[in-house]
Amino acid sequence: MGISARNQLKGTVKQITLGNVMGEVVMDVAGGELVAAITRRSVETLGLKEGDQVTAVIKATEVMVMK
């Protein structure tokens, strides 16, 4: 499957916290940590679990750079 989003970070699932509707997925990526809020159903459909190798795909209309 192809995808147009160019911002893709490979990482490892560090922690998953599930609520009734949403899930919080913490990933180790590029020497840092990235947190994604996705639906619980998506977590379950993807079969995500701690230690999984994943790719975070970021599609945004705005990116801030700070130094």
Protein backbone atom coordinates (compact mmCIF):
# COMPACT_ATOMS: atom_id res chain seq x y z
CA MET A 1 0.00 0.00 0.00
CA GLY A 2 1.34 3.44 -0.91
CA ILE A 3 0.81 6.59 1.12
CA SER A 4 1.40 10.26 0.32
CA ALA A 5 2.43 11.36 3.82
CA ARG A 6 6.19 11.86 3.85
CA ASN A 7 6.67 12.27 7.60
CA GLN A 8 7.13 8.68 8.71
CA LEU A 9 9.00 7.71 11.86
CA LYS A 10 9.84 4.09 12.62
CA GLY A 11 9.62 3.16 16.28
CA THR A 12 8.62 0.73 18.98
CA VAL A 13 5.42 0.72 21.02
CA LYS A 14 6.42 1.50 24.60
CA GLN A 15 3.04 1.73 26.33
CA ILE A 16 -0.67 1.52 25.52
CA THR A 17 -3.38 2.97 27.74
CA LEU A 18 -6.95 2.12 26.76
CA GLY A 19 -10.08 4.05 27.69
CA ASN A 20 -13.68 3.29 26.76
CA VAL A 21 -13.42 4.95 23.35
CA MET A 22 -9.83 6.14 22.84
CA GLY A 23 -6.38 4.71 23.32
CA GLU A 24 -3.06 6.42 23.98
CA VAL A 25 -0.08 4.82 22.26
CA VAL A 26 3.39 5.85 23.43
CA MET A 27 6.19 5.08 20.98
CA ASP A 28 9.98 5.34 21.12
CA VAL A 29 10.98 7.04 17.86
CA ALA A 30 14.22 8.60 16.65
CA GLY A 31 15.71 8.77 20.13
CA GLY A 32 12.60 10.40 21.60
CA GLU A 33 9.02 9.70 22.53
CA LEU A 34 5.88 10.23 20.47
CA VAL A 35 2.33 9.88 21.78
CA ALA A 36 -0.65 9.18 19.53
CA ALA A 37 -4.32 9.27 20.51
CA ILE A 38 -6.25 6.78 18.37
CA THR A 39 -9.53 4.98 18.80
CA ARG A 40 -9.65 1.89 20.97
CA ARG A 41 -11.06 0.03 17.99
CA SER A 42 -7.98 0.95 15.94
CA VAL A 43 -5.67 -0.34 18.69
CA GLU A 44 -7.61 -3.60 18.75
CA THR A 45 -7.92 -3.93 14.95
CA LEU A 46 -4.18 -3.38 14.50
CA GLY A 47 -3.48 -5.80 17.34
CA LEU A 48 -1.04 -3.31 18.86
CA LYS A 49 0.95 -4.42 21.88
CA GLU A 50 4.03 -3.23 23.73
CA GLY A 51 7.23 -4.05 21.87
CA ASP A 52 5.63 -3.95 18.40
CA GLN A 53 7.63 -2.31 15.63
CA VAL A 54 5.46 0.44 14.09
CA THR A 55 5.63 3.42 11.77
CA ALA A 56 4.14 6.70 12.94
CA VAL A 57 2.73 8.53 9.91
CA ILE A 58 2.30 12.24 10.48
CA LYS A 59 0.07 14.26 8.16
CA ALA A 60 -0.25 17.84 9.36
CA THR A 61 -1.04 21.19 7.86
CA GLU A 62 1.26 22.93 10.33
CA VAL A 63 4.64 22.02 11.77
CA MET A 64 6.48 24.18 14.29
CA VAL A 65 10.26 24.23 14.59
CA MET A 66 11.92 25.41 17.79
CA LYS A 67 15.57 25.89 18.61
